[in-house]
């Protein structure tokens, strides 16, 4: 794993805009004056770690359900039966992203699992792939994300149209669901986008409806379950017949309370870091809210003293404490690897880097390729 200077493509900004990445130039989000390279054996280690972590997460899901521990994760009791039934049926999941600390030497370590609403899909599946074709056509990339998404829509239970929804004022989320709509259409299924604010409820039909009063049979929502469960219309979800993607059981895996439960079940696992619901004597740790987005409200502590901290509105539900895992330092840039899964299978890699050891929505996206 190395970081190299790279010559930006001529007119790369226009190419990114044509591909749909409308915010590529905001805060230097897309970077192609550098790139990351990986040996084939390193990619194999990342894939193996991703598969192992996915299996651990499913085991943790079953443990939380059978041991009645949903309350520890801040999940409202009104949704416990829905989540348990969803988990028992293993209702169809589309995708997720494991955020890993990896330096090319030590085993990849799980920082968190974005199991419910991960973004950066277009950048990973499309934009960095076309960068590879333009700049390193003789090389390969850990990236089958687009093809796997299209195929997953073909096999995902729930025939019929797919509605895809996000908040109206979030450009990043809108770009993500617009890209996902394209993968739905390529799979042969009809699709349409709307905003969360446009969702309605038809009590007579027991289904959510769009702004044209059409029933929503399948809803991909780029809107976290912890928010949905606290919305006024959330009370209708358990009794409704709308199928949600991601399914309700993903609410368990998207909570950072998953981290101490994983460590409890799989102590000393090579891809896990010690994690607890209390500091547990840790001198070096990351304190993370049970629920947060985009790296908000994270505090890094070393030797009992603050190392770095990010602001934000989260943390009311509580926190977890994870052993501090220093990210590799490439001349003051700290990368985090995003390892994607589609239907539980490894599907691709993205790299986000920052001059802070906390990765946020302002961190840069950097493309990669495989050396051999």
Protein backbone atom coordinates (compact mmCIF):
# COMPACT_ATOMS: atom_id res chain seq x y z
CA UNK A 1 0.00 0.00 0.00
CA UNK A 2 1.57 3.27 -1.17
CA UNK A 3 0.54 6.83 -1.99
CA UNK A 4 1.90 8.27 -5.23
CA UNK A 5 1.76 11.59 -7.09
CA UNK A 6 -0.41 11.36 -10.21
CA UNK A 7 -0.95 13.65 -13.18
CA UNK A 8 -4.56 14.89 -13.30
CA UNK A 9 -6.39 14.20 -16.54
CA UNK A 10 -7.04 17.07 -18.88
CA UNK A 11 -10.64 18.23 -18.44
CA UNK A 12 -11.15 15.79 -15.55
CA UNK A 13 -13.64 18.16 -13.90
CA UNK A 14 -15.90 18.07 -16.96
CA UNK A 15 -15.68 14.28 -17.04
CA UNK A 16 -16.69 14.00 -13.40
CA UNK A 17 -19.60 16.37 -13.94
CA UNK A 18 -20.76 14.32 -16.93
CA UNK A 19 -20.63 11.20 -14.76
CA UNK A 20 -22.91 12.88 -12.23
CA UNK A 21 -20.44 13.84 -9.49
CA UNK A 22 -21.74 17.38 -9.14
CA UNK A 23 -19.85 18.21 -5.93
CA UNK A 24 -16.41 16.95 -7.04
CA UNK A 25 -14.76 20.34 -6.54
CA UNK A 26 -16.28 21.19 -3.16
CA UNK A 27 -13.52 21.42 -0.54
CA UNK A 28 -11.14 19.48 -2.81
CA UNK A 29 -13.35 16.40 -2.46
CA UNK A 30 -12.09 14.54 -5.55
CA UNK A 31 -8.30 14.26 -5.74
CA UNK A 32 -6.45 12.79 -8.67
CA UNK A 33 -3.12 14.54 -8.26
CA UNK A 34 -2.37 11.52 -6.05
CA UNK A 35 -3.47 7.89 -6.00
CA UNK A 36 -3.07 4.81 -3.84
CA UNK A 37 -1.61 1.54 -5.05
CA UNK A 38 -2.02 -1.93 -3.57
CA UNK A 39 -0.33 -5.25 -4.12
CA UNK A 40 -2.61 -8.10 -5.13
CA UNK A 41 -1.91 -9.87 -1.84
CA UNK A 42 -3.02 -6.78 0.08
CA UNK A 43 -6.33 -6.71 -1.78
CA UNK A 44 -6.80 -10.38 -0.95
CA UNK A 45 -6.27 -9.59 2.75
CA UNK A 46 -8.83 -6.79 2.56
CA UNK A 47 -11.35 -9.09 0.85
CA UNK A 48 -10.78 -11.86 3.39
CA UNK A 49 -11.16 -9.43 6.29
CA UNK A 50 -14.37 -8.06 4.79
CA UNK A 51 -15.87 -11.54 4.44
CA UNK A 52 -14.86 -12.46 7.98
CA UNK A 53 -16.29 -9.25 9.42
CA UNK A 54 -19.56 -9.72 7.59
CA UNK A 55 -19.94 -13.20 9.09
CA UNK A 56 -19.15 -11.82 12.56
CA UNK A 57 -21.76 -9.09 12.13
CA UNK A 58 -24.48 -11.59 11.22
CA UNK A 59 -23.59 -13.65 14.29
CA UNK A 60 -23.74 -10.48 16.42
CA UNK A 61 -27.15 -9.65 14.92
CA UNK A 62 -28.54 -13.05 15.96
CA UNK A 63 -26.99 -12.67 19.42
CA UNK A 64 -28.57 -9.25 19.99
CA UNK A 65 -31.99 -10.54 18.93
CA UNK A 66 -31.97 -13.79 20.91
CA UNK A 67 -30.50 -12.20 24.06
CA UNK A 68 -32.92 -9.27 24.02
CA UNK A 69 -30.23 -6.59 23.80
CA UNK A 70 -31.86 -4.17 21.34
CA UNK A 71 -32.43 -1.68 24.15
CA UNK A 72 -28.66 -1.42 24.71
CA UNK A 73 -28.41 -0.07 21.17
CA UNK A 74 -30.89 2.74 21.75
CA UNK A 75 -33.56 1.15 19.55
CA UNK A 76 -37.14 2.10 20.52
CA UNK A 77 -39.09 -0.83 21.96
CA UNK A 78 -41.91 -0.30 19.46
CA UNK A 79 -39.57 -1.64 16.74
CA UNK A 80 -38.07 -4.64 18.52
CA UNK A 81 -40.59 -7.15 17.15
CA UNK A 82 -40.25 -5.74 13.62
CA UNK A 83 -36.46 -6.01 13.73
CA UNK A 84 -36.56 -9.52 15.20
CA UNK A 85 -38.95 -10.73 12.50
CA UNK A 86 -36.89 -9.04 9.79
CA UNK A 87 -33.71 -10.69 11.09
CA UNK A 88 -35.34 -14.10 11.35
CA UNK A 89 -36.43 -13.87 7.71
CA UNK A 90 -33.07 -12.35 6.70
CA UNK A 91 -34.96 -9.85 4.58
CA UNK A 92 -32.97 -8.87 1.51
CA UNK A 93 -30.11 -6.41 1.93
CA UNK A 94 -28.52 -4.41 -0.87
CA UNK A 95 -25.15 -3.17 0.30
CA UNK A 96 -22.90 -1.85 3.07
CA UNK A 97 -19.41 -0.49 3.64
CA UNK A 98 -16.83 -1.53 6.22
CA UNK A 99 -14.47 1.31 7.15
CA UNK A 100 -11.04 -0.18 7.82
CA UNK A 101 -7.70 1.00 9.15
CA UNK A 102 -4.96 -0.69 7.13
CA UNK A 103 -1.29 0.02 6.55
CA UNK A 104 -0.36 -2.85 4.24
CA UNK A 105 1.50 -4.62 7.06
CA UNK A 106 -0.85 -5.33 9.95
CA UNK A 107 -4.29 -6.97 9.55
CA UNK A 108 -7.10 -4.61 8.51
CA UNK A 109 -9.01 -3.37 11.56
CA UNK A 110 -12.70 -2.49 11.65
CA UNK A 111 -13.35 1.13 12.60
CA UNK A 112 -17.09 0.98 11.95
CA UNK A 113 -19.68 -0.61 9.70
CA UNK A 114 -21.80 1.70 7.54
CA UNK A 115 -24.53 -0.89 7.16
CA UNK A 116 -27.55 1.29 6.47
CA UNK A 117 -26.85 4.51 4.54
CA UNK A 118 -23.31 4.55 3.09
CA UNK A 119 -22.64 7.00 0.27
CA UNK A 120 -19.63 7.44 -2.09
CA UNK A 121 -21.17 4.84 -4.40
CA UNK A 122 -20.87 6.83 -7.65
CA UNK A 123 -17.30 7.82 -6.87
CA UNK A 124 -16.30 4.23 -6.18
CA UNK A 125 -18.24 2.33 -8.82
CA UNK A 126 -18.00 4.77 -11.74
CA UNK A 127 -15.70 7.77 -11.35
CA UNK A 128 -12.60 6.00 -10.13
CA UNK A 129 -13.15 3.22 -12.67
CA UNK A 130 -13.10 5.68 -15.57
CA UNK A 131 -10.03 7.33 -14.00
CA UNK A 132 -8.36 3.92 -14.13
CA UNK A 133 -9.27 3.42 -17.80
CA UNK A 134 -7.91 6.87 -18.68
CA UNK A 135 -4.74 6.79 -16.59
CA UNK A 136 -3.76 3.16 -15.99
CA UNK A 137 -5.65 1.02 -18.52
CA UNK A 138 -3.15 -1.82 -18.12
CA UNK A 139 -3.89 -2.07 -14.38
CA UNK A 140 -6.79 -3.48 -12.40
CA UNK A 141 -8.86 -2.15 -9.52
CA UNK A 142 -10.74 -3.81 -6.67
CA UNK A 143 -14.07 -2.72 -8.09
CA UNK A 144 -16.98 -4.87 -9.22
CA UNK A 145 -19.43 -2.66 -7.37
CA UNK A 146 -21.54 -1.48 -10.31
CA UNK A 147 -22.05 -4.94 -11.79
CA UNK A 148 -22.89 -6.45 -8.42
CA UNK A 149 -25.43 -3.73 -7.63
CA UNK A 150 -27.20 -4.29 -10.95
CA UNK A 151 -27.28 -8.04 -10.38
CA UNK A 152 -28.47 -7.64 -6.80
CA UNK A 153 -31.48 -5.60 -7.88
CA UNK A 154 -32.41 -8.52 -10.18
CA UNK A 155 -32.40 -10.99 -7.29
CA UNK A 156 -33.52 -8.78 -4.40
CA UNK A 157 -36.86 -10.06 -3.08
CA UNK A 158 -39.80 -7.81 -3.77
CA UNK A 159 -40.88 -7.60 -7.41
CA UNK A 160 -42.18 -4.39 -8.89
CA UNK A 161 -41.05 -0.77 -9.00
CA UNK A 162 -38.46 0.64 -6.63
CA UNK A 163 -38.78 4.10 -5.10
CA UNK A 164 -35.55 5.72 -3.91
CA UNK A 165 -35.73 8.53 -1.36
CA UNK A 166 -33.44 10.97 0.44
CA UNK A 167 -33.63 14.39 2.07
CA UNK A 168 -34.33 17.26 -0.29
CA UNK A 169 -31.47 19.50 0.80
CA UNK A 170 -28.62 16.94 0.70
CA UNK A 171 -26.77 17.02 -2.63
CA UNK A 172 -24.47 14.11 -1.78
CA UNK A 173 -27.41 11.85 -0.95
CA UNK A 174 -29.28 12.95 -4.09
CA UNK A 175 -26.28 12.07 -6.26
CA UNK A 176 -26.11 8.67 -4.58
CA UNK A 177 -29.77 7.73 -5.09
CA UNK A 178 -29.74 9.05 -8.66
CA UNK A 179 -26.86 6.69 -9.40
CA UNK A 180 -28.63 3.84 -7.61
CA UNK A 181 -31.75 4.51 -9.68
CA UNK A 182 -29.62 3.91 -12.76
CA UNK A 183 -28.51 0.53 -11.40
CA UNK A 184 -32.16 -0.39 -10.72
CA UNK A 185 -33.15 0.52 -14.29
CA UNK A 186 -30.21 -1.42 -15.71
CA UNK A 187 -31.45 -4.45 -13.77
CA UNK A 188 -34.71 -4.25 -15.69
CA UNK A 189 -36.90 -2.88 -12.90
CA UNK A 190 -38.78 0.44 -13.01
CA UNK A 191 -37.59 3.08 -10.57
CA UNK A 192 -38.24 6.64 -9.53
CA UNK A 193 -36.74 9.06 -7.03
CA UNK A 194 -38.45 11.27 -4.49
CA UNK A 195 -37.66 13.13 -1.31
CA UNK A 196 -38.31 11.78 2.17
CA UNK A 197 -40.44 14.85 2.77
CA UNK A 198 -42.81 13.68 -0.01
CA UNK A 199 -43.64 10.35 1.61
CA UNK A 200 -47.28 9.90 2.52
CA UNK A 201 -49.25 7.22 4.35
CA UNK A 202 -52.44 5.61 3.06
CA UNK A 203 -54.14 4.02 6.07
CA UNK A 204 -56.80 2.32 3.95
CA UNK A 205 -54.22 0.49 1.87
CA UNK A 206 -51.67 0.12 4.68
CA UNK A 207 -48.85 1.39 2.52
CA UNK A 208 -46.67 4.44 2.07
CA UNK A 209 -47.40 6.45 -1.07
CA UNK A 210 -45.50 8.93 -3.22
CA UNK A 211 -46.58 12.46 -4.11
CA UNK A 212 -48.80 11.06 -6.89
CA UNK A 213 -50.53 8.76 -4.39
CA UNK A 214 -48.95 5.70 -6.03
CA UNK A 215 -48.24 2.89 -3.54
CA UNK A 216 -44.61 2.38 -2.59
CA UNK A 217 -44.04 -1.35 -2.58
CA UNK A 218 -40.23 -1.20 -2.34
CA UNK A 219 -38.52 1.80 -0.75
CA UNK A 220 -34.78 2.34 -0.80
CA UNK A 221 -34.29 5.04 1.81
CA UNK A 222 -31.01 6.90 2.15
CA UNK A 223 -32.25 7.96 5.54
CA UNK A 224 -31.06 6.22 8.72
CA UNK A 225 -33.28 3.80 10.56
CA UNK A 226 -32.63 5.60 13.84
CA UNK A 227 -34.21 8.69 12.31
CA UNK A 228 -37.09 6.81 10.67
CA UNK A 229 -38.02 5.14 13.95
CA UNK A 230 -38.38 8.55 15.60
CA UNK A 231 -40.33 10.29 12.84
CA UNK A 232 -44.08 10.85 13.40
CA UNK A 233 -44.83 8.63 10.39
CA UNK A 234 -42.52 5.94 11.76
CA UNK A 235 -45.35 4.49 13.83
CA UNK A 236 -46.89 3.17 10.59
CA UNK A 237 -43.83 1.16 9.54
CA UNK A 238 -44.43 -2.03 11.59
CA UNK A 239 -48.01 -2.41 10.30
CA UNK A 240 -47.35 -1.32 6.72
CA UNK A 241 -46.65 -3.48 3.71
CA UNK A 242 -43.94 -1.28 2.19
CA UNK A 243 -40.69 -3.24 1.90
CA UNK A 244 -37.68 -1.22 3.09
CA UNK A 245 -34.18 -1.37 1.68
CA UNK A 246 -32.10 -1.55 3.79
CA UNK A 247 -34.34 -3.86 5.87
CA UNK A 248 -35.10 -3.24 9.57
CA UNK A 249 -32.43 -5.67 10.82
CA UNK A 250 -29.76 -3.36 9.41
CA UNK A 251 -30.66 -0.95 12.24
CA UNK A 252 -28.70 -3.27 14.55
CA UNK A 253 -25.57 -3.36 12.41
CA UNK A 254 -25.59 0.37 11.69
CA UNK A 255 -25.34 1.19 15.41
CA UNK A 256 -21.81 1.63 16.77
CA UNK A 257 -22.97 -0.37 19.78
CA UNK A 258 -22.22 -3.26 17.44
CA UNK A 259 -18.49 -2.70 18.08
CA UNK A 260 -18.39 -3.73 21.77
CA UNK A 261 -20.76 -6.61 21.07
CA UNK A 262 -18.44 -7.87 18.33
CA UNK A 263 -15.47 -7.68 20.70
CA UNK A 264 -17.46 -9.46 23.40
CA UNK A 265 -18.32 -12.30 21.01
CA UNK A 266 -15.01 -12.46 19.15
CA UNK A 267 -12.26 -11.29 21.53
CA UNK A 268 -8.82 -11.04 19.93
CA UNK A 269 -10.25 -11.38 16.42
CA UNK A 270 -7.46 -10.16 14.09
CA UNK A 271 -9.78 -7.68 12.32
CA UNK A 272 -11.41 -6.21 15.44
CA UNK A 273 -10.33 -3.61 17.98
CA UNK A 274 -11.17 -3.82 21.68
CA UNK A 275 -14.41 -1.90 22.22
CA UNK A 276 -16.68 -1.33 25.21
CA UNK A 277 -19.74 0.61 26.34
CA UNK A 278 -17.53 2.25 29.03
CA UNK A 279 -13.86 3.33 28.87
CA UNK A 280 -12.90 0.04 30.56
CA UNK A 281 -9.45 1.31 31.52
CA UNK A 282 -8.46 2.29 27.99
CA UNK A 283 -5.88 5.10 27.95
CA UNK A 284 -5.88 5.39 24.14
CA UNK A 285 -9.33 5.26 22.58
CA UNK A 286 -11.86 6.69 20.16
CA UNK A 287 -15.13 7.74 21.76
CA UNK A 288 -17.96 7.40 19.24
CA UNK A 289 -21.71 8.08 19.55
CA UNK A 290 -23.99 5.08 19.23
CA UNK A 291 -25.42 6.91 16.23
CA UNK A 292 -23.69 9.53 14.12
CA UNK A 293 -22.96 10.30 10.49
CA UNK A 294 -19.93 11.43 8.52
CA UNK A 295 -17.43 11.28 11.36
CA UNK A 296 -19.31 13.72 13.60
CA UNK A 297 -18.86 13.88 17.39
CA UNK A 298 -15.84 11.58 17.52
CA UNK A 299 -13.15 12.20 20.13
CA UNK A 300 -9.70 10.61 19.93
CA UNK A 301 -7.82 10.30 23.22
CA UNK A 302 -4.20 9.25 23.73
CA UNK A 303 -2.68 8.78 27.15
CA UNK A 304 -5.83 10.24 28.66
CA UNK A 305 -5.35 13.52 26.76
CA UNK A 306 -7.42 14.75 23.78
CA UNK A 307 -5.80 14.08 20.41
CA UNK A 308 -8.54 15.19 17.99
CA UNK A 309 -12.25 15.87 18.09
CA UNK A 310 -15.03 16.51 15.56
CA UNK A 311 -18.15 18.57 16.15
CA UNK A 312 -21.75 17.61 15.47
CA UNK A 313 -25.24 17.08 16.87
CA UNK A 314 -24.98 13.42 17.92
CA UNK A 315 -24.41 11.50 21.14
CA UNK A 316 -27.69 11.76 23.04
CA UNK A 317 -28.19 7.97 22.93
CA UNK A 318 -24.77 7.25 24.46
CA UNK A 319 -21.27 6.35 23.31
CA UNK A 320 -18.87 3.46 22.78
CA UNK A 321 -15.14 3.39 23.47
CA UNK A 322 -12.91 1.69 20.89
CA UNK A 323 -9.16 1.14 21.31
CA UNK A 324 -7.29 3.77 19.32
CA UNK A 325 -5.90 2.48 16.05
CA UNK A 326 -3.50 4.99 14.44
CA UNK A 327 -4.12 5.39 10.72
CA UNK A 328 -1.13 5.16 8.37
CA UNK A 329 0.52 8.55 7.89
CA UNK A 330 1.45 9.48 4.32
CA UNK A 331 3.13 12.87 4.66
CA UNK A 332 0.39 14.12 6.94
CA UNK A 333 -2.50 12.46 5.12
CA UNK A 334 -4.46 9.73 6.88
CA UNK A 335 -6.39 7.25 4.69
CA UNK A 336 -9.36 5.11 5.67
CA UNK A 337 -10.35 2.23 3.40
CA UNK A 338 -13.99 1.65 2.57
CA UNK A 339 -14.56 -2.00 1.70
CA UNK A 340 -17.95 -2.51 0.06
CA UNK A 341 -20.22 -5.52 0.26
CA UNK A 342 -23.20 -6.26 -1.97
CA UNK A 343 -25.53 -8.98 -0.68
CA UNK A 344 -22.81 -9.72 1.87
CA UNK A 345 -20.04 -10.32 -0.68
CA UNK A 346 -16.91 -8.12 -1.07
CA UNK A 347 -17.45 -5.83 -4.06
CA UNK A 348 -14.92 -3.00 -4.16
CA UNK A 349 -12.71 -0.49 -2.42
CA UNK A 350 -12.60 3.27 -1.93
CA UNK A 351 -10.03 5.42 -0.16
CA UNK A 352 -10.84 8.59 1.78
CA UNK A 353 -8.04 10.68 3.26
CA UNK A 354 -7.71 13.74 5.46
CA UNK A 355 -5.06 15.82 7.20
CA UNK A 356 -6.89 14.88 10.41
CA UNK A 357 -7.02 11.34 11.84
CA UNK A 358 -10.83 11.69 11.87
CA UNK A 359 -12.50 11.01 8.51
CA UNK A 360 -15.51 13.25 7.83
CA UNK A 361 -17.74 14.23 4.92
CA UNK A 362 -15.09 16.84 4.04
CA UNK A 363 -12.37 14.21 3.56
CA UNK A 364 -11.02 13.70 0.04
CA UNK A 365 -11.77 10.75 -2.22
CA UNK A 366 -8.63 9.33 -3.84
CA UNK A 367 -8.66 6.64 -6.59
CA UNK A 368 -6.58 3.47 -6.43
CA UNK A 369 -5.24 0.67 -8.57
CA UNK A 370 -3.63 -2.76 -8.11
CA UNK A 371 0.03 -3.20 -9.00
CA UNK A 372 -0.10 -6.90 -9.92
